[in-house]
Protein backbone atom coordinates (compact mmCIF):
# COMPACT_ATOMS: atom_id res chain seq x y z
CA MET A 1 -25.54 19.41 2.80
CA THR A 2 -27.15 16.85 3.39
CA ALA A 3 -26.84 15.74 -0.23
CA VAL A 4 -23.07 16.16 0.18
CA VAL A 5 -23.09 13.70 2.21
CA HIS A 6 -25.21 11.62 0.27
CA CYS A 7 -23.16 11.87 -2.45
CA LEU A 8 -19.55 11.58 -1.10
CA ARG A 9 -20.94 8.17 0.57
CA VAL A 10 -22.26 6.61 -3.07
CA TRP A 11 -19.80 8.06 -4.83
CA ARG A 12 -17.41 7.63 -2.26
CA HIS A 13 -14.66 4.33 -4.33
CA TYR A 14 -14.77 6.57 -7.07
CA LEU A 15 -13.93 9.94 -4.81
CA LEU A 16 -11.47 8.79 -1.83
CA GLY A 17 -7.95 9.02 -2.91
CA SER A 18 -7.98 11.89 -4.59
CA HIS A 19 -9.25 16.18 -4.16
CA PHE A 20 -12.53 17.80 -6.11
CA THR A 21 -14.28 20.61 -5.25
CA ILE A 22 -17.70 20.53 -4.15
CA LYS A 23 -19.44 23.62 -5.22
CA THR A 24 -22.35 25.18 -3.61
CA GLU A 25 -25.43 27.96 -4.44
CA ASN A 26 -25.50 27.53 -0.28
CA VAL A 27 -23.18 29.87 1.24
CA ALA A 28 -24.14 28.58 4.84
CA THR A 29 -22.84 25.66 3.35
CA SER A 30 -19.50 26.78 1.70
CA TYR A 31 -18.68 27.64 4.96
CA PHE A 32 -19.59 23.78 7.35
CA GLN A 33 -15.82 22.60 7.32
CA THR A 34 -14.54 25.82 10.26
CA GLN A 35 -17.72 25.88 12.06
CA LYS A 36 -16.83 25.72 15.77
CA LYS A 37 -20.63 24.71 17.03
CA LEU A 38 -22.04 21.70 15.18
CA SER A 39 -24.93 20.16 16.44
CA PRO A 40 -24.76 15.35 16.93
CA LYS A 41 -25.63 15.12 13.28
CA LYS A 42 -23.42 17.80 12.01
CA ALA A 43 -20.30 16.37 13.91
CA ARG A 44 -21.36 13.06 12.54
CA TRP A 45 -20.68 14.05 9.26
CA GLN A 46 -17.61 16.22 9.95
CA GLU A 47 -16.51 12.85 11.17
CA PHE A 48 -16.90 11.30 7.70
CA LEU A 49 -16.30 14.54 5.49
CA ALA A 50 -12.54 13.18 7.13
CA GLU A 51 -11.56 10.94 4.99
CA PHE A 52 -11.77 12.98 1.78
CA ASP A 53 -9.51 15.32 0.57
CA TYR A 54 -12.13 17.77 -0.65
CA THR A 55 -12.74 22.13 -1.41
CA LEU A 56 -16.36 23.25 -0.38
CA GLU A 57 -16.98 26.56 -3.19
CA TYR A 58 -19.47 28.67 -3.10
CA LYS A 59 -20.74 29.54 -6.12
CA THR A 60 -23.55 32.05 -7.50
CA GLY A 61 -27.32 31.12 -8.11
CA LYS A 62 -26.34 33.11 -11.17
CA ALA A 63 -23.57 31.64 -12.42
CA ASN A 64 -25.13 28.09 -12.47
CA VAL A 65 -27.20 27.58 -14.63
CA VAL A 66 -25.93 24.95 -16.61
CA ALA A 67 -28.82 21.65 -15.61
CA ASP A 68 -26.99 19.28 -13.97
CA THR A 69 -25.94 16.26 -15.82
CA LEU A 70 -26.51 13.60 -12.57
CA SER A 71 -30.01 14.70 -11.84
CA ARG A 72 -30.95 13.64 -15.43
CA LYS A 73 -29.79 9.66 -15.27
CA VAL A 74 -33.48 8.24 -16.99
CA GLU A 75 -33.20 11.07 -19.25
CA LEU A 76 -29.93 9.92 -20.26
CA ALA A 77 -29.98 7.36 -20.39
CA ALA A 78 -32.44 7.06 -22.72
CA LEU A 79 -30.66 9.09 -24.93
CA SER A 80 -26.73 7.27 -25.18
CA LEU A 81 -28.26 3.57 -24.72
CA ALA A 82 -31.12 3.25 -27.09
CA LYS A 83 -30.34 4.80 -30.70
CA GLY A 84 -27.16 5.15 -32.64
CA GLU A 85 -24.72 1.91 -33.14
CA ILE A 86 -26.99 -0.09 -30.26
CA LYS A 87 -30.57 -0.17 -32.10
CA GLY A 88 -28.42 -2.03 -34.79
CA ARG A 89 -27.08 -4.92 -32.58
CA ILE A 90 -30.39 -5.53 -31.26
CA LYS A 91 -31.97 -5.67 -34.63
CA GLU A 92 -29.12 -8.44 -35.82
CA GLY A 93 -29.62 -10.14 -32.55
CA LEU A 94 -33.48 -10.58 -32.39
CA GLU A 95 -32.62 -12.35 -36.56
CA HIS A 96 -30.80 -15.56 -34.12
CA ASP A 97 -32.65 -15.57 -31.45
CA PRO A 98 -35.56 -17.75 -30.74
CA LEU A 99 -37.69 -16.68 -28.41
CA ALA A 100 -37.59 -13.16 -30.88
CA ARG A 101 -38.23 -14.90 -33.64
CA GLU A 102 -41.69 -16.77 -32.56
CA LEU A 103 -42.53 -12.82 -30.92
CA VAL A 104 -42.27 -11.58 -34.01
CA ASN A 105 -44.04 -13.47 -35.34
CA LEU A 106 -46.70 -13.60 -33.57
CA CYS A 107 -47.04 -9.78 -34.13
CA THR A 108 -46.62 -10.27 -37.50
CA GLN A 109 -49.81 -12.32 -36.60
CA GLY A 110 -51.72 -9.87 -35.30
CA LYS A 111 -51.92 -12.78 -32.13
CA THR A 112 -50.66 -10.44 -29.19
CA LYS A 113 -50.89 -7.03 -28.35
CA GLN A 114 -47.98 -6.69 -25.55
CA PHE A 115 -45.91 -6.63 -28.52
CA TRP A 116 -45.69 -4.53 -32.31
CA VAL A 117 -42.45 -4.52 -34.97
CA GLU A 118 -41.80 -1.25 -35.64
CA ASP A 119 -38.51 -0.65 -37.55
CA GLY A 120 -37.03 -3.78 -37.88
CA LEU A 121 -37.41 -3.71 -33.58
CA LEU A 122 -39.39 -5.15 -31.28
CA TYR A 123 -41.82 -3.73 -28.71
CA THR A 124 -43.07 -3.67 -25.54
CA LYS A 125 -45.42 -1.85 -23.46
CA GLY A 126 -44.12 1.07 -22.42
CA ARG A 127 -42.37 1.67 -25.21
CA ARG A 128 -38.99 -0.64 -24.59
CA LEU A 129 -37.48 -2.62 -26.81
CA PHE A 130 -37.39 -6.20 -26.75
CA VAL A 131 -33.27 -7.37 -26.13
CA PRO A 132 -32.48 -10.48 -27.40
CA LYS A 133 -30.30 -13.36 -25.60
CA TRP A 134 -27.17 -12.65 -28.39
CA ASN A 135 -23.61 -11.64 -27.96
CA ASN A 136 -23.93 -10.86 -24.81
CA LEU A 137 -25.75 -7.86 -24.84
CA ARG A 138 -28.13 -7.75 -22.16
CA ARG A 139 -24.21 -7.80 -19.88
CA GLU A 140 -23.27 -4.25 -21.80
CA LEU A 141 -26.48 -2.20 -21.27
CA ILE A 142 -26.67 -3.58 -17.77
CA ARG A 143 -23.10 -2.39 -17.63
CA GLU A 144 -23.71 0.85 -18.39
CA CYS A 145 -26.84 1.26 -16.42
CA HIS A 146 -24.05 -0.26 -13.53
CA ASP A 147 -20.82 0.77 -13.82
CA THR A 148 -20.14 3.85 -15.41
CA ARG A 149 -19.91 6.80 -13.35
CA TRP A 150 -22.89 9.07 -14.85
CA ALA A 151 -24.64 5.61 -12.83
CA GLY A 152 -22.06 5.14 -10.34
CA HIS A 153 -22.42 1.60 -9.54
CA PRO A 154 -25.90 2.04 -7.45
CA GLY A 155 -28.03 -1.25 -6.49
CA GLN A 156 -30.42 -3.68 -7.35
CA ARG A 157 -33.55 -1.58 -7.78
CA ARG A 158 -31.82 1.81 -9.32
CA THR A 159 -30.33 -0.22 -12.13
CA LEU A 160 -32.84 -2.52 -12.63
CA VAL A 161 -35.18 1.28 -12.47
CA LEU A 162 -32.09 2.25 -15.41
CA LEU A 163 -32.49 -0.29 -17.58
CA GLU A 164 -36.49 -0.72 -17.43
CA SER A 165 -37.38 2.81 -18.73
CA SER A 166 -35.76 2.04 -22.28
CA TYR A 167 -35.95 -1.62 -22.38
CA PHE A 168 -37.23 -5.54 -21.58
CA TRP A 169 -36.10 -8.86 -21.51
CA PRO A 170 -37.82 -12.10 -19.28
CA GLN A 171 -36.57 -12.29 -16.23
CA MET A 172 -34.38 -8.98 -15.91
CA ARG A 173 -34.84 -9.07 -12.57
CA ASP A 174 -32.53 -11.84 -11.61
CA ILE A 175 -30.09 -11.38 -14.15
CA VAL A 176 -29.59 -8.00 -13.18
CA GLU A 177 -29.79 -8.82 -8.94
CA LEU A 178 -27.02 -11.81 -10.07
CA TYR A 179 -24.84 -8.68 -10.97
CA VAL A 180 -24.68 -6.58 -8.75
CA LYS A 181 -23.99 -9.01 -6.28
CA THR A 182 -21.25 -10.85 -8.07
CA CYS A 183 -20.19 -7.01 -8.54
CA LEU A 184 -16.08 -5.85 -7.32
CA VAL A 185 -15.86 -3.21 -6.92
CA CYS A 186 -19.76 -2.57 -4.75
CA GLN A 187 -18.40 -6.04 -3.24
CA GLN A 188 -14.69 -4.02 -2.27
CA ASP A 189 -16.04 -0.27 -1.44
CA LYS A 190 -19.84 -0.54 -0.56
CA VAL A 191 -20.23 0.32 2.72
CA GLU A 192 -23.06 -1.95 3.31
CA ASN A 193 -21.62 -4.54 2.41
CA LYS A 194 -18.37 -4.60 5.39
CA GLN A 195 -18.33 -6.42 7.99
CA PRO A 196 -19.05 -4.45 11.47
CA ALA A 197 -15.93 -3.04 12.96
CA GLY A 198 -15.31 -6.05 16.06
CA LEU A 199 -14.89 -3.88 19.35
CA LEU A 200 -10.64 -3.27 21.15
CA GLU A 201 -10.07 -6.45 23.20
CA PRO A 202 -7.56 -5.35 25.66
CA LEU A 203 -3.96 -6.90 25.69
CA PRO A 204 -3.42 -10.21 28.26
CA ILE A 205 -1.84 -9.16 31.57
CA PRO A 206 1.68 -10.92 31.17
CA ASP A 207 3.30 -12.55 34.27
CA ARG A 208 6.47 -12.02 34.75
CA PRO A 209 8.95 -8.87 34.05
CA TRP A 210 9.60 -8.43 30.19
CA ASP A 211 6.83 -11.09 29.48
CA SER A 212 5.54 -8.23 27.05
CA ILE A 213 7.01 -5.87 25.54
CA SER A 214 5.26 -2.69 23.47
CA MET A 215 7.93 -0.03 21.69
CA ASP A 216 7.95 2.57 19.52
CA PHE A 217 9.43 5.55 18.43
CA ILE A 218 9.07 9.56 19.38
CA SER A 219 9.80 11.29 15.79
CA ALA A 220 10.36 14.89 14.25
CA LEU A 221 12.60 16.19 17.31
CA PRO A 222 15.43 18.56 16.45
CA LYS A 223 19.01 17.08 15.92
CA SER A 224 21.24 16.67 18.87
CA GLU A 225 24.63 14.30 18.06
CA GLY A 226 23.36 13.25 15.19
CA HIS A 227 20.74 11.99 16.55
CA GLY A 228 16.73 13.41 15.93
CA SER A 229 14.90 10.42 17.06
CA ILE A 230 14.04 8.31 20.58
CA MET A 231 13.13 4.82 20.25
CA VAL A 232 11.74 3.90 23.75
CA VAL A 233 10.74 0.34 24.44
CA VAL A 234 9.18 -0.23 27.29
CA ASP A 235 7.98 -3.53 29.92
CA ARG A 236 4.37 -3.83 30.15
CA PHE A 237 5.04 -5.47 33.81
CA SER A 238 6.36 -3.36 35.26
CA LYS A 239 5.78 -0.38 33.44
CA TYR A 240 9.76 -0.04 33.44
CA GLY A 241 10.75 2.43 30.28
CA THR A 242 13.88 2.04 28.38
CA PHE A 243 14.58 5.48 26.20
CA ILE A 244 17.18 4.62 23.28
CA ALA A 245 19.02 7.66 20.99
CA CYS A 246 18.90 6.50 16.91
CA THR A 247 18.99 8.61 13.24
CA LYS A 248 16.13 10.44 12.23
CA ASP A 249 15.86 7.45 9.48
CA CYS A 250 16.73 4.48 12.11
CA THR A 251 16.45 1.35 9.39
CA ALA A 252 14.25 -2.15 10.63
CA GLU A 253 18.45 -3.63 11.34
CA GLU A 254 18.91 0.01 12.98
CA ALA A 255 16.51 -0.59 14.88
CA ALA A 256 17.36 -4.24 15.97
CA ARG A 257 20.81 -3.91 17.20
CA ALA A 258 19.77 -1.12 19.78
CA PHE A 259 17.02 -2.86 21.15
CA PHE A 260 19.26 -5.66 21.11
CA LYS A 261 22.08 -3.54 23.09
CA ASN A 262 20.08 -1.60 25.03
CA VAL A 263 17.62 -4.56 25.90
CA VAL A 264 18.54 -7.91 25.16
CA LYS A 265 21.86 -7.42 27.74
CA TYR A 266 22.38 -10.86 28.63
C-alpha cells in the first residue's frame, strides 16, 4: 500500500478528477477500502486516498506476467530518445554549434580522450551523446524526460538522472533546474509547492443583535405545499433563528425576496 500512496502522490495532477483502477497481486491490499480497524498510518492514507476516484482490483501473480513499464523508465528513455529522428537532428546540429565543431576537431586530431566521434555523432564518457545548442534540441529532451506521461513530472534530481543516462551538454544541471522550477504543472499541482493551509480563524463577535447573521439552506426535504427546502437565517449575537419555506430550486433572486420579506421587515 505504501507504493500505491507514493504513486498517487507523484501522479496526483494526472489522476484527480478521473476514475482509475489500481491492480495489485496482494490480497490484503485489495481489501484496504473496507478495513474496519486502522492504524494511525493507514488512517492518514485513507484520508489522502479519499480525494481520488479509484477501484482496487486483485490480480493473481500467475496472471501478472506483463513487465511493468513504469519500473523500466530509464530503459524506456534510452530506447525512445536515442534512436531515429533524434540522432539525425543531433548529427545535423553538430555542424551549427561552435563548441561541438571545436570538440569534433580535437577528436580528429587526437587531442582529447574525453570525447570521440562515431558514425558522425559525438560521444563522451558513459557513451552519452553530446547534444549541440541548436534548434531547441536540449529543451525538447528535457521536456521528454519531465513532461511526458511515462516521466510523470519528476523533480530536478530525477529529471537530471534520466537525461544524464543518455545525453550530455555543458551546464546541464543548471538548465534542468531552471526548467523544473518554471514548469507550470509542477507549480500548480505539486504539494510541496503550495502554501501551507492557514489555521481556522474565529468570526468576530458582533456588538448588537442583527449586526451579523449566518444563512444556509436545508434541502432534499419531502415536498410540502410546493416547498422542498428551508432557508435558515440565524442572528449570531442572540442566536435567534428564522426559518423560511422555499422551493426546492430556490434561485438567488427568490432567496433575496424571502430574506427581505421575513427578516428585513422594517
